[in-house]
């Protein structure tokens, strides 16, 4: 079970890092970034 939690936390950190990097290029468009991440 703790492996699942660790994997989820790792995924969350990676997703946030990607979102932060994209937001450096696409400024002020959180909704667009969210749609890109989903696609």
PDB file of N, CA and C in Angstrom:
ATOM      1  N   UNK A   1       0.827  -1.196   0.000  1.00  0.00           N
ATOM      2  CA  UNK A   1       0.000   0.000   0.000  1.00  0.00           C
ATOM      3  C   UNK A   1       0.865   1.250   0.000  1.00  0.00           C
ATOM      4  N   UNK A   2       1.936   1.264   0.765  1.00  0.00           N
ATOM      5  CA  UNK A   2       2.779   2.454   0.817  1.00  0.00           C
ATOM      6  C   UNK A   2       3.455   2.710  -0.525  1.00  0.00           C
ATOM      7  N   UNK A   3       3.679   1.644  -1.308  1.00  0.00           N
ATOM      8  CA  UNK A   3       4.251   1.821  -2.647  1.00  0.00           C
ATOM      9  C   UNK A   3       3.287   2.597  -3.535  1.00  0.00           C
ATOM     10  N   UNK A   4       1.999   2.326  -3.382  1.00  0.00           N
ATOM     11  CA  UNK A   4       0.993   3.044  -4.162  1.00  0.00           C
ATOM     12  C   UNK A   4       0.982   4.522  -3.793  1.00  0.00           C
ATOM     13  N   UNK A   5       1.073   4.799  -2.511  1.00  0.00           N
ATOM     14  CA  UNK A   5       1.079   6.184  -2.048  1.00  0.00           C
ATOM     15  C   UNK A   5       2.324   6.899  -2.554  1.00  0.00           C
ATOM     16  N   UNK A   6       3.464   6.241  -2.479  1.00  0.00           N
ATOM     17  CA  UNK A   6       4.706   6.831  -2.972  1.00  0.00           C
ATOM     18  C   UNK A   6       4.622   7.095  -4.471  1.00  0.00           C
ATOM     19  N   UNK A   7       4.061   6.168  -5.217  1.00  0.00           N
ATOM     20  CA  UNK A   7       3.914   6.335  -6.665  1.00  0.00           C
ATOM     21  C   UNK A   7       2.984   7.505  -6.982  1.00  0.00           C
ATOM     22  N   UNK A   8       1.900   7.628  -6.229  1.00  0.00           N
ATOM     23  CA  UNK A   8       0.954   8.727  -6.443  1.00  0.00           C
ATOM     24  C   UNK A   8       1.608  10.070  -6.136  1.00  0.00           C
ATOM     25  N   UNK A   9       2.391  10.133  -5.067  1.00  0.00           N
ATOM     26  CA  UNK A   9       3.083  11.372  -4.710  1.00  0.00           C
ATOM     27  C   UNK A   9       4.121  11.738  -5.767  1.00  0.00           C
ATOM     28  N   UNK A  10       4.812  10.734  -6.275  1.00  0.00           N
ATOM     29  CA  UNK A  10       5.814  10.959  -7.319  1.00  0.00           C
ATOM     30  C   UNK A  10       5.145  11.481  -8.594  1.00  0.00           C
ATOM     31  N   UNK A  11       4.013  10.894  -8.946  1.00  0.00           N
ATOM     32  CA  UNK A  11       3.261  11.332 -10.117  1.00  0.00           C
ATOM     33  C   UNK A  11       2.766  12.762  -9.936  1.00  0.00           C
ATOM     34  N   UNK A  12       2.301  13.078  -8.743  1.00  0.00           N
ATOM     35  CA  UNK A  12       1.811  14.427  -8.469  1.00  0.00           C
ATOM     36  C   UNK A  12       2.937  15.452  -8.619  1.00  0.00           C
ATOM     37  N   UNK A  13       4.124  15.134  -8.100  1.00  0.00           N
ATOM     38  CA  UNK A  13       5.267  16.042  -8.224  1.00  0.00           C
ATOM     39  C   UNK A  13       5.666  16.223  -9.684  1.00  0.00           C
ATOM     40  N   UNK A  14       5.677  15.135 -10.437  1.00  0.00           N
ATOM     41  CA  UNK A  14       6.041  15.202 -11.856  1.00  0.00           C
ATOM     42  C   UNK A  14       5.021  16.033 -12.630  1.00  0.00           C
ATOM     43  N   UNK A  15       3.754  15.823 -12.342  1.00  0.00           N
ATOM     44  CA  UNK A  15       2.701  16.580 -13.015  1.00  0.00           C
ATOM     45  C   UNK A  15       2.828  18.066 -12.711  1.00  0.00           C
ATOM     46  N   UNK A  16       3.108  18.406 -11.470  1.00  0.00           N
ATOM     47  CA  UNK A  16       3.261  19.812 -11.092  1.00  0.00           C
ATOM     48  C   UNK A  16       4.478  20.425 -11.769  1.00  0.00           C
ATOM     49  N   UNK A  17       5.560  19.671 -11.867  1.00  0.00           N
ATOM     50  CA  UNK A  17       6.763  20.162 -12.542  1.00  0.00           C
ATOM     51  C   UNK A  17       6.472  20.449 -14.010  1.00  0.00           C
ATOM     52  N   UNK A  18       5.780  19.532 -14.663  1.00  0.00           N
ATOM     53  CA  UNK A  18       5.417  19.733 -16.071  1.00  0.00           C
ATOM     54  C   UNK A  18       4.522  20.959 -16.215  1.00  0.00           C
ATOM     55  N   UNK A  19       3.529  21.071 -15.350  1.00  0.00           N
ATOM     56  CA  UNK A  19       2.608  22.209 -15.397  1.00  0.00           C
ATOM     57  C   UNK A  19       3.363  23.526 -15.187  1.00  0.00           C
ATOM     58  N   UNK A  20       4.310  23.544 -14.262  1.00  0.00           N
ATOM     59  CA  UNK A  20       5.109  24.746 -14.007  1.00  0.00           C
ATOM     60  C   UNK A  20       5.932  25.137 -15.229  1.00  0.00           C
ATOM     61  N   UNK A  21       6.520  24.148 -15.886  1.00  0.00           N
ATOM     62  CA  UNK A  21       7.337  24.424 -17.070  1.00  0.00           C
ATOM     63  C   UNK A  21       6.479  24.934 -18.228  1.00  0.00           C
ATOM     64  N   UNK A  22       5.325  24.338 -18.433  1.00  0.00           N
ATOM     65  CA  UNK A  22       4.430  24.791 -19.503  1.00  0.00           C
ATOM     66  C   UNK A  22       3.955  26.213 -19.221  1.00  0.00           C
ATOM     67  N   UNK A  23       3.679  26.526 -17.956  1.00  0.00           N
ATOM     68  CA  UNK A  23       3.164  27.855 -17.620  1.00  0.00           C
ATOM     69  C   UNK A  23       4.210  28.949 -17.807  1.00  0.00           C
ATOM     70  N   UNK A  24       5.471  28.580 -17.965  1.00  0.00           N
ATOM     71  CA  UNK A  24       6.504  29.577 -18.281  1.00  0.00           C
ATOM     72  C   UNK A  24       6.357  30.055 -19.720  1.00  0.00           C
ATOM     73  N   UNK A  25       5.806  29.207 -20.585  1.00  0.00           N
ATOM     74  CA  UNK A  25       5.630  29.541 -21.997  1.00  0.00           C
ATOM     75  C   UNK A  25       4.216  30.070 -22.255  1.00  0.00           C
ATOM     76  N   UNK A  26       3.236  29.421 -21.664  1.00  0.00           N
ATOM     77  CA  UNK A  26       1.838  29.819 -21.834  1.00  0.00           C
ATOM     78  C   UNK A  26       1.432  30.542 -20.547  1.00  0.00           C
ATOM     79  N   UNK A  27       1.665  31.841 -20.531  1.00  0.00           N
ATOM     80  CA  UNK A  27       1.489  32.634 -19.311  1.00  0.00           C
ATOM     81  C   UNK A  27       0.023  33.027 -19.131  1.00  0.00           C
ATOM     82  N   UNK A  28      -0.481  32.830 -17.920  1.00  0.00           N
ATOM     83  CA  UNK A  28      -1.819  33.287 -17.565  1.00  0.00           C
ATOM     84  C   UNK A  28      -2.956  32.482 -18.171  1.00  0.00           C
ATOM     85  N   UNK A  29      -2.695  31.277 -18.604  1.00  0.00           N
ATOM     86  CA  UNK A  29      -3.715  30.467 -19.251  1.00  0.00           C
ATOM     87  C   UNK A  29      -3.847  29.115 -18.551  1.00  0.00           C
ATOM     88  N   UNK A  30      -4.189  29.142 -17.273  1.00  0.00           N
ATOM     89  CA  UNK A  30      -4.272  27.909 -16.491  1.00  0.00           C
ATOM     90  C   UNK A  30      -5.226  26.891 -17.121  1.00  0.00           C
ATOM     91  N   UNK A  31      -6.359  27.367 -17.604  1.00  0.00           N
ATOM     92  CA  UNK A  31      -7.347  26.463 -18.217  1.00  0.00           C
ATOM     93  C   UNK A  31      -6.764  25.766 -19.448  1.00  0.00           C
ATOM     94  N   UNK A  32      -6.041  26.515 -20.272  1.00  0.00           N
ATOM     95  CA  UNK A  32      -5.418  25.939 -21.469  1.00  0.00           C
ATOM     96  C   UNK A  32      -4.388  24.893 -21.062  1.00  0.00           C
ATOM     97  N   UNK A  33      -3.594  25.202 -20.062  1.00  0.00           N
ATOM     98  CA  UNK A  33      -2.573  24.265 -19.589  1.00  0.00           C
ATOM     99  C   UNK A  33      -3.231  22.987 -19.070  1.00  0.00           C
ATOM    100  N   UNK A  34      -4.309  23.129 -18.324  1.00  0.00           N
ATOM    101  CA  UNK A  34      -5.026  21.952 -17.816  1.00  0.00           C
ATOM    102  C   UNK A  34      -5.540  21.092 -18.971  1.00  0.00           C
ATOM    103  N   UNK A  35      -6.058  21.740 -20.015  1.00  0.00           N
ATOM    104  CA  UNK A  35      -6.556  20.999 -21.176  1.00  0.00           C
ATOM    105  C   UNK A  35      -5.417  20.289 -21.905  1.00  0.00           C
ATOM    106  N   UNK A  36      -4.256  20.939 -21.995  1.00  0.00           N
ATOM    107  CA  UNK A  36      -3.090  20.312 -22.623  1.00  0.00           C
ATOM    108  C   UNK A  36      -2.673  19.083 -21.823  1.00  0.00           C
ATOM    109  N   UNK A  37      -2.688  19.198 -20.509  1.00  0.00           N
ATOM    110  CA  UNK A  37      -2.274  18.087 -19.653  1.00  0.00           C
ATOM    111  C   UNK A  37      -3.242  16.906 -19.782  1.00  0.00           C
ATOM    112  N   UNK A  38      -4.509  17.187 -19.985  1.00  0.00           N
ATOM    113  CA  UNK A  38      -5.507  16.127 -20.104  1.00  0.00           C
ATOM    114  C   UNK A  38      -5.405  15.422 -21.453  1.00  0.00           C
ATOM    115  N   UNK A  39      -5.091  16.208 -22.485  1.00  0.00           N
ATOM    116  CA  UNK A  39      -5.063  15.669 -23.864  1.00  0.00           C
ATOM    117  C   UNK A  39      -3.976  14.702 -24.111  1.00  0.00           C
TER     118      UNK A  39
END
